[in-house]
N, C-alpha and C. Protein backbone atom coordinates (compact mmCIF):
# COMPACT_ATOMS: atom_id res chain seq x y z
N MET A 1 46.58 65.75 187.12
CA MET A 1 47.79 65.02 186.71
C MET A 1 47.92 65.30 185.25
N MET A 2 49.25 65.38 184.98
CA MET A 2 49.53 65.65 183.53
C MET A 2 49.66 64.32 182.77
N ASP A 3 49.23 64.41 181.56
CA ASP A 3 49.29 63.04 180.66
C ASP A 3 50.78 62.92 180.29
N MET A 4 51.10 61.63 180.25
CA MET A 4 52.53 61.07 179.97
C MET A 4 52.47 60.67 178.52
N ASP A 5 53.50 61.51 177.72
CA ASP A 5 53.49 61.03 176.30
C ASP A 5 54.73 60.09 176.06
N MET A 6 54.40 58.91 175.57
CA MET A 6 55.45 58.08 175.03
C MET A 6 55.53 57.75 173.60
N PRO A 7 56.51 57.42 172.73
CA PRO A 7 56.40 56.98 171.51
C PRO A 7 55.39 55.93 171.20
N GLY A 8 54.42 56.22 170.30
CA GLY A 8 53.36 54.92 170.04
C GLY A 8 52.45 54.82 171.25
N ILE A 9 52.48 55.37 172.50
CA ILE A 9 51.65 55.01 173.58
C ILE A 9 51.25 56.26 174.41
N GLN A 10 50.23 56.49 174.36
CA GLN A 10 49.57 57.80 175.16
C GLN A 10 48.74 57.21 176.48
N MET A 11 49.41 57.81 177.51
CA MET A 11 48.75 57.10 178.80
C MET A 11 48.17 58.31 179.40
N GLY A 12 46.88 58.35 179.61
CA GLY A 12 46.04 59.42 180.46
C GLY A 12 46.02 59.47 181.83
N ALA A 13 45.41 60.20 182.31
CA ALA A 13 45.41 60.10 184.02
C ALA A 13 44.80 59.06 184.48
N GLY A 14 43.61 58.40 183.80
CA GLY A 14 42.98 57.33 184.24
C GLY A 14 43.06 56.03 183.67
N THR A 15 44.23 55.96 183.04
CA THR A 15 44.55 54.94 182.16
C THR A 15 45.61 54.05 182.84
N SER A 16 45.24 52.69 183.31
CA SER A 16 46.17 51.73 183.89
C SER A 16 47.22 51.27 182.90
N PRO A 17 48.25 50.73 183.42
CA PRO A 17 49.27 50.05 182.44
C PRO A 17 48.77 48.81 181.73
N SER A 18 48.03 48.15 182.49
CA SER A 18 47.46 47.06 181.65
C SER A 18 46.19 47.43 180.56
N GLN A 19 45.62 48.54 180.85
CA GLN A 19 44.92 48.98 179.67
C GLN A 19 45.61 49.47 178.60
N ALA A 20 46.75 50.06 178.92
CA ALA A 20 47.62 50.37 177.71
C ALA A 20 48.21 49.52 177.06
N GLU A 21 48.55 48.43 177.56
CA GLU A 21 49.16 47.30 176.95
C GLU A 21 48.30 46.62 175.98
N ALA A 22 46.81 46.55 176.36
CA ALA A 22 45.70 45.99 175.68
C ALA A 22 45.54 46.80 174.51
N ALA A 23 45.64 48.14 174.54
CA ALA A 23 45.45 49.26 173.48
C ALA A 23 46.38 49.21 172.59
N THR A 24 47.64 48.49 172.97
CA THR A 24 48.83 48.71 171.85
C THR A 24 48.68 47.72 170.96
N PRO A 25 48.79 47.74 169.60
CA PRO A 25 48.68 46.85 168.52
C PRO A 25 49.69 45.93 168.72
N ALA A 26 49.42 44.49 168.45
CA ALA A 26 50.42 43.59 168.60
C ALA A 26 51.27 43.50 167.14
N VAL A 27 52.58 43.65 167.40
CA VAL A 27 53.46 43.55 166.37
C VAL A 27 54.19 42.38 166.27
N ALA A 28 54.06 41.67 164.99
CA ALA A 28 54.72 40.22 164.78
C ALA A 28 56.11 40.41 164.53
N THR A 29 56.73 39.53 165.30
CA THR A 29 58.19 39.47 165.15
C THR A 29 58.68 38.85 163.71
N PRO A 30 59.91 39.32 163.32
CA PRO A 30 60.35 38.92 162.00
C PRO A 30 60.34 37.38 161.81
N SER A 31 60.77 36.62 162.90
CA SER A 31 60.67 35.30 162.93
C SER A 31 59.60 34.68 162.75
N GLN A 32 58.46 35.07 163.45
CA GLN A 32 57.10 34.66 163.16
C GLN A 32 56.47 34.71 162.04
N ALA A 33 56.88 36.13 161.50
CA ALA A 33 56.17 36.39 160.04
C ALA A 33 56.79 35.69 158.86
N THR A 34 58.02 35.48 159.08
CA THR A 34 58.69 34.78 157.71
C THR A 34 58.74 33.34 158.02
N LEU A 35 58.29 32.67 159.05
CA LEU A 35 58.37 31.23 159.19
C LEU A 35 57.38 30.62 158.24
N PRO A 36 56.08 31.02 158.17
CA PRO A 36 55.33 30.32 157.16
C PRO A 36 55.70 30.33 155.53
N VAL A 37 56.36 31.61 155.27
CA VAL A 37 56.78 31.82 154.01
C VAL A 37 58.09 30.81 153.72
N THR A 38 58.92 30.81 154.80
CA THR A 38 60.10 30.07 154.60
C THR A 38 59.64 28.39 154.37
N LYS A 39 58.67 27.97 155.24
CA LYS A 39 58.36 26.63 155.06
C LYS A 39 57.64 26.36 153.87
N ALA A 40 56.88 27.27 153.29
CA ALA A 40 56.17 27.18 152.08
C ALA A 40 57.24 27.01 150.63
N ALA A 41 58.42 27.87 150.83
CA ALA A 41 59.24 27.92 149.85
C ALA A 41 60.10 26.76 149.93
N ALA A 42 60.29 26.17 151.10
CA ALA A 42 60.91 24.91 151.31
C ALA A 42 60.31 23.83 150.56
N VAL A 43 59.09 23.68 150.88
CA VAL A 43 58.26 22.56 150.20
C VAL A 43 58.04 22.83 148.88
N GLY A 44 58.03 23.99 148.48
CA GLY A 44 57.97 24.13 146.96
C GLY A 44 59.34 23.81 146.15
N HIS A 45 60.43 24.15 146.80
CA HIS A 45 61.71 23.73 146.53
C HIS A 45 61.87 22.25 146.34
N ASP A 46 61.49 21.57 147.29
CA ASP A 46 61.67 20.16 147.26
C ASP A 46 60.72 19.48 146.22
N GLU A 47 59.56 19.86 146.09
CA GLU A 47 58.75 19.37 144.96
C GLU A 47 59.29 19.64 143.47
N GLU A 48 59.90 20.79 143.28
CA GLU A 48 60.42 21.16 141.98
C GLU A 48 61.80 20.67 141.64
N SER A 49 62.66 20.52 142.76
CA SER A 49 64.06 19.90 142.49
C SER A 49 64.17 18.41 142.25
N PRO A 50 64.73 18.22 141.12
CA PRO A 50 64.85 16.66 140.84
C PRO A 50 65.68 15.95 141.67
N THR A 51 65.54 14.65 141.67
CA THR A 51 66.43 13.85 142.48
C THR A 51 67.79 13.59 141.87
N THR A 52 68.64 12.91 142.70
CA THR A 52 69.88 12.56 142.03
C THR A 52 69.86 11.48 141.02
N ALA A 53 68.96 10.61 140.93
CA ALA A 53 68.93 9.67 139.84
C ALA A 53 68.32 10.23 138.50
N GLU A 54 67.47 11.19 138.78
CA GLU A 54 66.91 12.06 137.50
C GLU A 54 68.10 12.76 137.00
N ILE A 55 68.96 13.54 137.90
CA ILE A 55 69.87 14.46 137.22
C ILE A 55 70.94 13.29 136.66
N SER A 56 71.30 12.32 137.09
CA SER A 56 72.44 11.18 136.44
C SER A 56 71.78 10.82 135.12
N GLY A 57 70.59 10.54 135.06
CA GLY A 57 69.88 10.14 134.02
C GLY A 57 69.89 11.22 132.92
N MET A 58 69.53 12.36 133.25
CA MET A 58 69.60 13.44 132.24
C MET A 58 70.94 13.57 131.70
N ASP A 59 71.97 13.50 132.62
CA ASP A 59 73.38 13.73 132.18
C ASP A 59 73.73 12.77 131.14
N SER A 60 73.30 11.45 131.53
CA SER A 60 73.69 10.41 130.54
C SER A 60 73.16 10.53 129.24
N MET A 61 71.78 11.03 129.39
CA MET A 61 71.06 10.96 128.06
C MET A 61 71.65 12.25 127.21
N GLY A 62 72.00 13.41 128.02
CA GLY A 62 72.53 14.46 127.40
C GLY A 62 73.99 14.32 126.84
N GLY A 63 74.81 13.30 127.35
CA GLY A 63 76.09 13.00 126.76
C GLY A 63 76.07 12.02 125.85
N MET A 64 74.91 11.42 125.36
CA MET A 64 74.94 10.39 124.34
C MET A 64 74.81 11.08 122.92
N ARG A 65 75.97 10.66 122.14
CA ARG A 65 75.91 11.50 120.80
C ARG A 65 75.15 10.71 119.80
N THR A 66 74.39 11.49 119.10
CA THR A 66 73.68 10.79 117.86
C THR A 66 74.00 11.09 116.46
N SER A 67 75.36 11.35 116.26
CA SER A 67 75.82 11.45 115.05
C SER A 67 77.22 11.00 114.93
N PHE A 68 77.78 10.69 113.75
CA PHE A 68 78.88 9.92 113.54
C PHE A 68 80.09 10.93 113.93
N HIS A 69 81.11 10.42 114.68
CA HIS A 69 82.07 11.02 115.15
C HIS A 69 83.34 10.19 115.34
N ILE A 70 84.48 10.70 115.65
CA ILE A 70 85.62 9.85 115.96
C ILE A 70 86.50 10.55 116.95
N GLY A 71 87.07 9.78 117.96
CA GLY A 71 87.80 10.16 119.08
C GLY A 71 87.58 9.41 120.19
N THR A 72 88.20 9.73 121.43
CA THR A 72 88.25 8.91 122.62
C THR A 72 86.96 9.34 123.35
N GLY A 73 86.83 8.65 124.50
CA GLY A 73 85.54 9.03 125.50
C GLY A 73 84.22 8.17 125.24
N ASP A 74 84.38 7.33 124.23
CA ASP A 74 82.95 6.26 124.09
C ASP A 74 83.38 5.21 124.68
N ALA A 75 82.50 4.65 125.59
CA ALA A 75 82.52 3.59 126.48
C ALA A 75 82.15 2.28 125.64
N LEU A 76 82.95 1.23 125.70
CA LEU A 76 82.61 0.02 125.09
C LEU A 76 81.87 -0.96 126.41
N TRP A 77 80.71 -0.90 126.33
CA TRP A 77 79.65 -1.84 127.05
C TRP A 77 79.73 -1.24 128.55
N ILE A 78 80.83 -1.05 129.14
CA ILE A 78 80.81 -0.69 130.47
C ILE A 78 81.68 0.55 130.57
N PRO A 79 81.56 1.36 131.74
CA PRO A 79 82.24 2.61 131.84
C PRO A 79 83.83 2.41 131.93
N SER A 80 84.35 1.39 132.48
CA SER A 80 85.66 1.18 132.62
C SER A 80 86.31 1.00 131.32
N LEU A 81 85.49 0.79 130.26
CA LEU A 81 86.26 0.45 128.79
C LEU A 81 86.08 1.62 127.90
N ALA A 82 86.10 2.84 128.73
CA ALA A 82 86.07 4.13 127.86
C ALA A 82 87.47 4.53 127.64
N PRO A 83 88.04 4.49 126.42
CA PRO A 83 89.30 4.85 126.14
C PRO A 83 89.62 6.49 126.33
N SER A 84 90.56 6.87 127.21
CA SER A 84 90.71 8.30 127.12
C SER A 84 92.01 8.61 126.49
N THR A 85 92.98 7.69 126.20
CA THR A 85 94.08 8.16 125.41
C THR A 85 94.21 7.58 123.94
N GLY A 86 95.09 7.93 123.19
CA GLY A 86 95.27 7.40 122.01
C GLY A 86 95.50 5.79 121.94
N ALA A 87 96.33 5.60 122.79
CA ALA A 87 96.63 4.08 122.94
C ALA A 87 95.41 3.23 123.35
N GLY A 88 94.57 3.83 124.27
CA GLY A 88 93.42 3.03 124.76
C GLY A 88 92.46 2.96 123.52
N TYR A 89 92.44 3.96 122.65
CA TYR A 89 91.46 4.02 121.71
C TYR A 89 91.92 2.86 120.64
N ALA A 90 93.15 2.91 120.35
CA ALA A 90 93.78 1.86 119.47
C ALA A 90 93.40 0.45 119.88
N GLY A 91 93.66 0.30 121.39
CA GLY A 91 93.26 -1.03 122.03
C GLY A 91 91.78 -1.38 121.73
N ALA A 92 90.93 -0.50 121.91
CA ALA A 92 89.54 -0.76 121.63
C ALA A 92 89.30 -0.96 120.26
N ILE A 93 89.87 -0.54 119.20
CA ILE A 93 89.81 -0.82 117.60
C ILE A 93 90.21 -2.33 117.49
N ILE A 94 91.24 -2.59 118.26
CA ILE A 94 92.01 -4.04 117.87
C ILE A 94 90.91 -5.04 118.69
N LEU A 95 90.44 -4.44 119.69
CA LEU A 95 89.41 -5.57 120.50
C LEU A 95 88.24 -5.91 119.50
N LEU A 96 87.67 -4.84 118.99
CA LEU A 96 86.55 -5.05 118.08
C LEU A 96 86.90 -5.83 116.81
N MET A 97 88.06 -5.53 116.37
CA MET A 97 88.47 -6.39 115.10
C MET A 97 88.38 -7.85 115.50
N LEU A 98 89.05 -8.24 116.67
CA LEU A 98 89.20 -9.51 117.01
C LEU A 98 87.75 -10.11 117.38
N LEU A 99 86.95 -9.38 117.93
CA LEU A 99 85.48 -9.83 118.16
C LEU A 99 84.96 -10.32 116.81
N THR A 100 85.12 -9.43 115.94
CA THR A 100 84.41 -9.65 114.55
C THR A 100 85.03 -10.79 114.04
N VAL A 101 86.25 -11.11 113.91
CA VAL A 101 86.77 -12.27 113.43
C VAL A 101 86.35 -13.41 114.10
N SER A 102 86.22 -13.32 115.39
CA SER A 102 85.82 -14.22 116.26
C SER A 102 84.49 -14.95 115.87
N LEU A 103 83.70 -13.74 115.54
CA LEU A 103 82.34 -14.11 115.20
C LEU A 103 82.27 -14.83 113.94
N ARG A 104 83.07 -14.55 112.95
CA ARG A 104 83.13 -15.15 111.50
C ARG A 104 83.75 -16.61 111.89
N PHE A 105 84.70 -16.68 112.76
CA PHE A 105 85.36 -18.20 113.06
C PHE A 105 84.29 -19.03 113.68
N VAL A 106 83.31 -18.59 114.71
CA VAL A 106 82.29 -19.41 115.12
C VAL A 106 81.25 -19.74 114.07
N ILE A 107 80.97 -18.80 113.32
CA ILE A 107 79.98 -19.37 112.20
C ILE A 107 80.59 -20.39 111.39
N THR A 108 81.85 -20.23 110.97
CA THR A 108 82.45 -21.22 110.11
C THR A 108 82.65 -22.52 110.77
N LEU A 109 83.03 -22.47 112.36
CA LEU A 109 83.15 -23.85 112.86
C LEU A 109 81.75 -24.52 113.03
N GLU A 110 80.79 -23.74 113.20
CA GLU A 110 79.30 -24.41 113.26
C GLU A 110 79.05 -25.04 111.89
N HIS A 111 79.38 -24.42 110.88
CA HIS A 111 79.35 -24.95 109.56
C HIS A 111 80.03 -26.18 109.36
N MET A 112 81.37 -26.31 109.82
CA MET A 112 82.11 -27.54 109.51
C MET A 112 81.46 -28.58 110.49
N ILE A 113 81.04 -28.29 111.75
CA ILE A 113 80.62 -29.47 112.54
C ILE A 113 79.28 -29.92 111.98
N ASN A 114 78.34 -29.08 111.47
CA ASN A 114 77.09 -29.44 110.82
C ASN A 114 77.58 -30.40 109.70
N LYS A 115 78.49 -29.96 108.88
CA LYS A 115 78.78 -30.59 107.61
C LYS A 115 79.20 -32.11 108.07
N ARG A 116 80.06 -32.18 108.83
CA ARG A 116 80.71 -33.41 109.26
C ARG A 116 79.49 -34.31 109.92
N ARG A 117 78.74 -33.70 110.69
CA ARG A 117 77.53 -34.35 111.18
C ARG A 117 76.66 -35.10 110.09
N LYS A 118 76.43 -34.13 109.30
CA LYS A 118 75.45 -34.73 108.09
C LYS A 118 76.06 -35.89 107.23
N GLY A 119 77.40 -35.74 107.05
CA GLY A 119 78.17 -36.72 106.33
C GLY A 119 78.12 -38.04 107.21
N LYS A 120 78.34 -37.88 108.35
CA LYS A 120 78.43 -39.13 109.11
C LYS A 120 76.91 -39.75 109.22
N ARG A 121 75.93 -38.96 109.31
CA ARG A 121 74.56 -39.26 109.22
C ARG A 121 74.11 -39.96 108.03
N ALA A 122 74.61 -39.47 106.76
CA ALA A 122 74.39 -40.28 105.53
C ALA A 122 75.20 -41.33 105.39
N LEU A 123 76.32 -41.64 106.05
CA LEU A 123 77.15 -42.77 106.11
C LEU A 123 76.40 -43.96 106.81
N ASP A 124 75.91 -43.63 107.91
CA ASP A 124 75.25 -44.51 108.77
C ASP A 124 73.91 -45.09 108.03
N GLU A 125 73.32 -43.93 107.57
CA GLU A 125 72.01 -44.56 106.90
C GLU A 125 72.32 -45.39 105.58
N ALA A 126 73.41 -45.23 105.05
CA ALA A 126 73.74 -45.96 103.88
C ALA A 126 74.23 -47.44 104.37
N GLU A 127 74.80 -47.43 105.27
CA GLU A 127 75.07 -48.77 105.91
C GLU A 127 74.00 -49.38 106.23
N GLU A 128 73.03 -48.80 106.75
CA GLU A 128 71.79 -49.56 107.30
C GLU A 128 70.96 -50.00 106.07
N ALA A 129 70.97 -49.31 105.00
CA ALA A 129 70.27 -49.71 103.76
C ALA A 129 70.99 -50.75 102.94
N GLY A 130 72.32 -50.96 103.21
CA GLY A 130 73.07 -52.02 102.65
C GLY A 130 74.18 -51.46 101.70
N SER A 131 73.91 -50.35 101.13
CA SER A 131 75.06 -49.99 99.97
C SER A 131 74.86 -48.53 99.95
N TYR A 132 76.23 -47.92 100.12
CA TYR A 132 76.13 -46.23 100.03
C TYR A 132 76.09 -46.03 98.62
N PHE A 133 76.77 -46.74 97.62
CA PHE A 133 76.89 -46.51 96.17
C PHE A 133 75.30 -46.54 95.45
N LYS A 134 74.68 -47.30 96.08
CA LYS A 134 73.25 -47.59 95.54
C LYS A 134 72.40 -46.29 96.01
N GLN A 135 72.60 -45.79 97.23
CA GLN A 135 71.93 -44.78 97.73
C GLN A 135 72.25 -43.44 96.90
N SER A 136 73.55 -43.19 96.62
CA SER A 136 73.90 -42.05 96.03
C SER A 136 73.58 -41.91 94.56
N GLY A 137 73.43 -43.09 93.98
CA GLY A 137 73.15 -43.28 92.41
C GLY A 137 71.74 -43.19 92.31
N SER A 138 70.75 -43.39 93.18
CA SER A 138 69.29 -43.43 92.96
C SER A 138 68.97 -41.86 93.03
N ASP A 139 68.05 -41.43 92.07
CA ASP A 139 67.46 -40.03 91.80
C ASP A 139 66.16 -40.05 92.09
N GLY A 140 65.47 -39.41 93.07
CA GLY A 140 63.99 -39.34 93.27
C GLY A 140 63.32 -40.57 93.78
N GLU A 141 64.24 -41.66 94.35
CA GLU A 141 63.70 -42.80 94.82
C GLU A 141 63.69 -42.65 96.24
N ASP A 142 62.92 -43.28 96.91
CA ASP A 142 62.76 -43.27 98.44
C ASP A 142 63.83 -44.21 99.01
N SER A 143 64.78 -43.48 99.84
CA SER A 143 66.07 -44.42 100.14
C SER A 143 65.67 -45.06 101.56
N GLY A 144 64.36 -44.67 102.09
CA GLY A 144 63.83 -45.54 103.34
C GLY A 144 64.72 -44.95 104.40
N SER A 145 65.16 -43.64 104.42
CA SER A 145 65.93 -43.08 105.46
C SER A 145 64.86 -42.89 106.62
N THR A 146 65.24 -43.01 108.00
CA THR A 146 64.57 -42.68 108.92
C THR A 146 64.44 -41.08 109.42
N PRO A 147 63.37 -40.68 109.88
CA PRO A 147 63.40 -39.18 110.22
C PRO A 147 64.32 -39.08 111.36
N PRO A 148 64.89 -37.81 111.26
CA PRO A 148 65.96 -37.49 112.52
C PRO A 148 65.23 -37.60 113.91
N LYS A 149 66.01 -38.09 114.90
CA LYS A 149 65.43 -38.27 116.10
C LYS A 149 66.09 -37.15 117.04
N PHE A 150 65.45 -37.01 118.45
CA PHE A 150 65.73 -36.20 119.20
C PHE A 150 66.98 -36.53 119.94
N LYS A 151 68.09 -35.74 119.72
CA LYS A 151 69.47 -36.24 120.25
C LYS A 151 69.92 -34.93 120.94
N LEU A 152 70.17 -35.15 122.45
CA LEU A 152 70.56 -34.03 123.13
C LEU A 152 72.05 -33.79 122.75
N SER A 153 72.90 -34.67 122.38
CA SER A 153 74.18 -34.63 122.07
C SER A 153 74.38 -33.74 120.65
N VAL A 154 73.33 -33.66 119.97
CA VAL A 154 73.36 -32.75 118.75
C VAL A 154 72.76 -31.48 119.05
N LEU A 155 71.66 -31.44 119.87
CA LEU A 155 71.04 -30.14 120.08
C LEU A 155 71.85 -29.25 121.05
N LEU A 156 72.48 -29.61 121.95
CA LEU A 156 73.11 -28.74 122.95
C LEU A 156 74.35 -28.01 122.20
N PRO A 157 75.24 -28.71 121.44
CA PRO A 157 76.18 -27.88 120.83
C PRO A 157 75.63 -26.74 119.90
N ARG A 158 74.51 -27.12 119.12
CA ARG A 158 73.83 -26.36 118.10
C ARG A 158 73.43 -25.11 118.90
N ALA A 159 72.71 -25.51 120.09
CA ALA A 159 72.25 -24.22 121.04
C ALA A 159 73.24 -23.30 121.40
N SER A 160 74.43 -24.00 121.85
CA SER A 160 75.58 -23.32 122.26
C SER A 160 76.15 -22.26 121.12
N PHE A 161 76.17 -22.88 119.99
CA PHE A 161 76.90 -21.98 118.94
C PHE A 161 75.85 -20.79 118.67
N LEU A 162 74.42 -21.01 118.86
CA LEU A 162 73.53 -20.05 118.51
C LEU A 162 73.73 -18.88 119.50
N VAL A 163 73.80 -19.32 120.79
CA VAL A 163 73.82 -18.27 121.88
C VAL A 163 75.15 -17.56 121.79
N LEU A 164 76.23 -18.15 121.42
CA LEU A 164 77.52 -17.42 121.26
C LEU A 164 77.66 -16.53 120.12
N THR A 165 76.93 -16.87 119.16
CA THR A 165 76.71 -15.99 117.88
C THR A 165 75.92 -14.83 118.06
N MET A 166 74.90 -15.13 118.95
CA MET A 166 73.84 -13.93 119.22
C MET A 166 74.82 -12.98 120.19
N ALA A 167 75.45 -13.61 121.24
CA ALA A 167 76.10 -12.61 122.10
C ALA A 167 77.31 -11.77 121.40
N LEU A 168 78.04 -12.53 120.70
CA LEU A 168 79.04 -11.49 119.87
C LEU A 168 78.27 -10.58 119.03
N GLY A 169 77.23 -10.85 118.30
CA GLY A 169 76.48 -10.01 117.43
C GLY A 169 76.09 -8.74 118.17
N TYR A 170 75.39 -9.00 119.25
CA TYR A 170 75.05 -7.85 120.04
C TYR A 170 76.08 -6.96 120.71
N LEU A 171 77.08 -7.54 121.08
CA LEU A 171 78.29 -6.68 121.73
C LEU A 171 78.66 -5.81 120.49
N LEU A 172 78.75 -6.23 119.32
CA LEU A 172 79.36 -5.47 118.08
C LEU A 172 78.18 -4.36 117.82
N MET A 173 76.92 -4.84 117.95
CA MET A 173 75.80 -3.98 117.66
C MET A 173 75.93 -2.79 118.53
N LEU A 174 76.24 -3.14 120.00
CA LEU A 174 76.22 -1.94 120.81
C LEU A 174 77.36 -1.05 120.70
N ALA A 175 78.48 -1.56 120.24
CA ALA A 175 79.60 -0.70 119.76
C ALA A 175 79.30 0.24 118.65
N VAL A 176 78.40 -0.29 117.84
CA VAL A 176 78.35 0.49 116.56
C VAL A 176 77.27 1.76 117.03
N MET A 177 76.42 1.33 118.00
CA MET A 177 75.55 2.37 118.38
C MET A 177 76.17 3.46 119.22
N THR A 178 77.27 3.51 119.37
CA THR A 178 78.12 4.70 119.91
C THR A 178 78.30 5.79 119.02
N PHE A 179 78.11 5.39 117.58
CA PHE A 179 78.28 6.38 116.53
C PHE A 179 79.82 6.79 116.39
N ASN A 180 80.68 6.02 116.90
CA ASN A 180 82.13 6.25 116.72
C ASN A 180 82.64 5.70 115.48
N VAL A 181 83.15 6.41 114.55
CA VAL A 181 83.67 6.01 113.32
C VAL A 181 84.66 5.15 113.30
N GLY A 182 85.46 5.34 114.36
CA GLY A 182 86.53 4.16 114.47
C GLY A 182 86.05 2.84 115.01
N TYR A 183 85.12 2.90 115.68
CA TYR A 183 84.60 1.59 116.14
C TYR A 183 84.13 0.96 114.81
N LEU A 184 83.16 1.71 113.99
CA LEU A 184 82.54 1.04 112.80
C LEU A 184 83.49 0.57 111.94
N LEU A 185 84.61 1.23 111.84
CA LEU A 185 85.59 0.83 110.62
C LEU A 185 86.27 -0.35 111.22
N ALA A 186 86.52 -0.54 112.46
CA ALA A 186 87.21 -1.65 113.09
C ALA A 186 86.26 -2.82 112.94
N ILE A 187 84.80 -2.89 113.04
CA ILE A 187 84.12 -3.88 112.83
C ILE A 187 84.07 -4.17 111.48
N LEU A 188 83.86 -3.35 110.57
CA LEU A 188 83.91 -3.59 109.06
C LEU A 188 85.33 -4.16 108.70
N GLY A 189 86.29 -3.69 109.33
CA GLY A 189 87.76 -4.29 108.86
C GLY A 189 87.81 -5.81 109.29
N GLY A 190 87.27 -6.11 110.56
CA GLY A 190 87.32 -7.29 111.10
C GLY A 190 86.56 -8.37 110.36
N GLY A 191 85.39 -7.92 109.90
CA GLY A 191 84.47 -8.84 109.04
C GLY A 191 85.11 -9.15 107.64
N PHE A 192 85.78 -8.05 107.12
CA PHE A 192 86.66 -8.46 105.95
C PHE A 192 87.70 -9.42 106.12
N LEU A 193 88.54 -9.17 107.08
CA LEU A 193 89.54 -10.12 107.41
C LEU A 193 88.98 -11.56 107.77
N GLY A 194 88.00 -11.68 108.51
CA GLY A 194 87.50 -12.98 109.00
C GLY A 194 86.82 -13.78 107.61
N GLU A 195 86.27 -12.70 106.80
CA GLU A 195 85.85 -13.57 105.53
C GLU A 195 86.96 -14.18 104.59
N ILE A 196 88.09 -13.35 104.54
CA ILE A 196 89.17 -13.76 103.73
C ILE A 196 89.91 -15.06 104.46
N ALA A 197 89.79 -15.16 105.88
CA ALA A 197 90.65 -16.05 106.78
C ALA A 197 89.68 -17.42 106.61
N PHE A 198 88.38 -17.50 106.36
CA PHE A 198 87.58 -18.52 106.71
C PHE A 198 86.73 -18.89 105.74
N SER A 199 86.59 -18.04 104.69
CA SER A 199 85.45 -18.33 103.57
C SER A 199 85.95 -19.55 102.79
N TRP A 200 87.19 -19.97 102.59
CA TRP A 200 87.85 -20.95 101.93
C TRP A 200 87.37 -22.36 102.53
N VAL A 201 87.02 -22.24 104.01
CA VAL A 201 86.75 -23.47 104.72
C VAL A 201 85.19 -23.86 104.27
N LYS A 202 84.27 -22.85 104.02
CA LYS A 202 83.07 -23.12 103.52
C LYS A 202 82.95 -23.44 102.05
N ASP A 203 83.64 -22.89 101.21
CA ASP A 203 83.70 -23.24 99.86
C ASP A 203 84.54 -24.70 99.70
């Protein structure tokens, strides 16, 4: 019998088809050969790709300006208070000026209340001693005044003024940290106007 020649397979006279298939080298299909590589590439991509939170954090850090500038786009405390137009920018400046004047008013009001409270306390002590003029005319003598007592009606307003002053101060500080020159000038101008408006009360 004659040998039959086929591409890649040579079958002799005494060779069975099963033996020919066993002698044929196994060829891996493209899908089987590329499957492990595809899985490894996907795993490596997942390990190297940043998450959405990391991307947003990098964007926010990259958008923060660390030099003085002027213009719109800087948010005041929350993203919804970021002026995008000239009118919005002017409104933000007016708001900062009003907050600064309010801070000066709160400080002046606290001073007035403390001054009135001290005068009332001195008057009460003078009445208890017997004579207000005798107490005011004595120099270096022990007037026999009693030490201050714990009064919740006195401490609560004092603590409230302290918290309000701190809150306004921190809000203004955060506005300055945007490095916006317009915001900075608005705070300085508000402090100037507040001092002119309320310094006479302290004096």
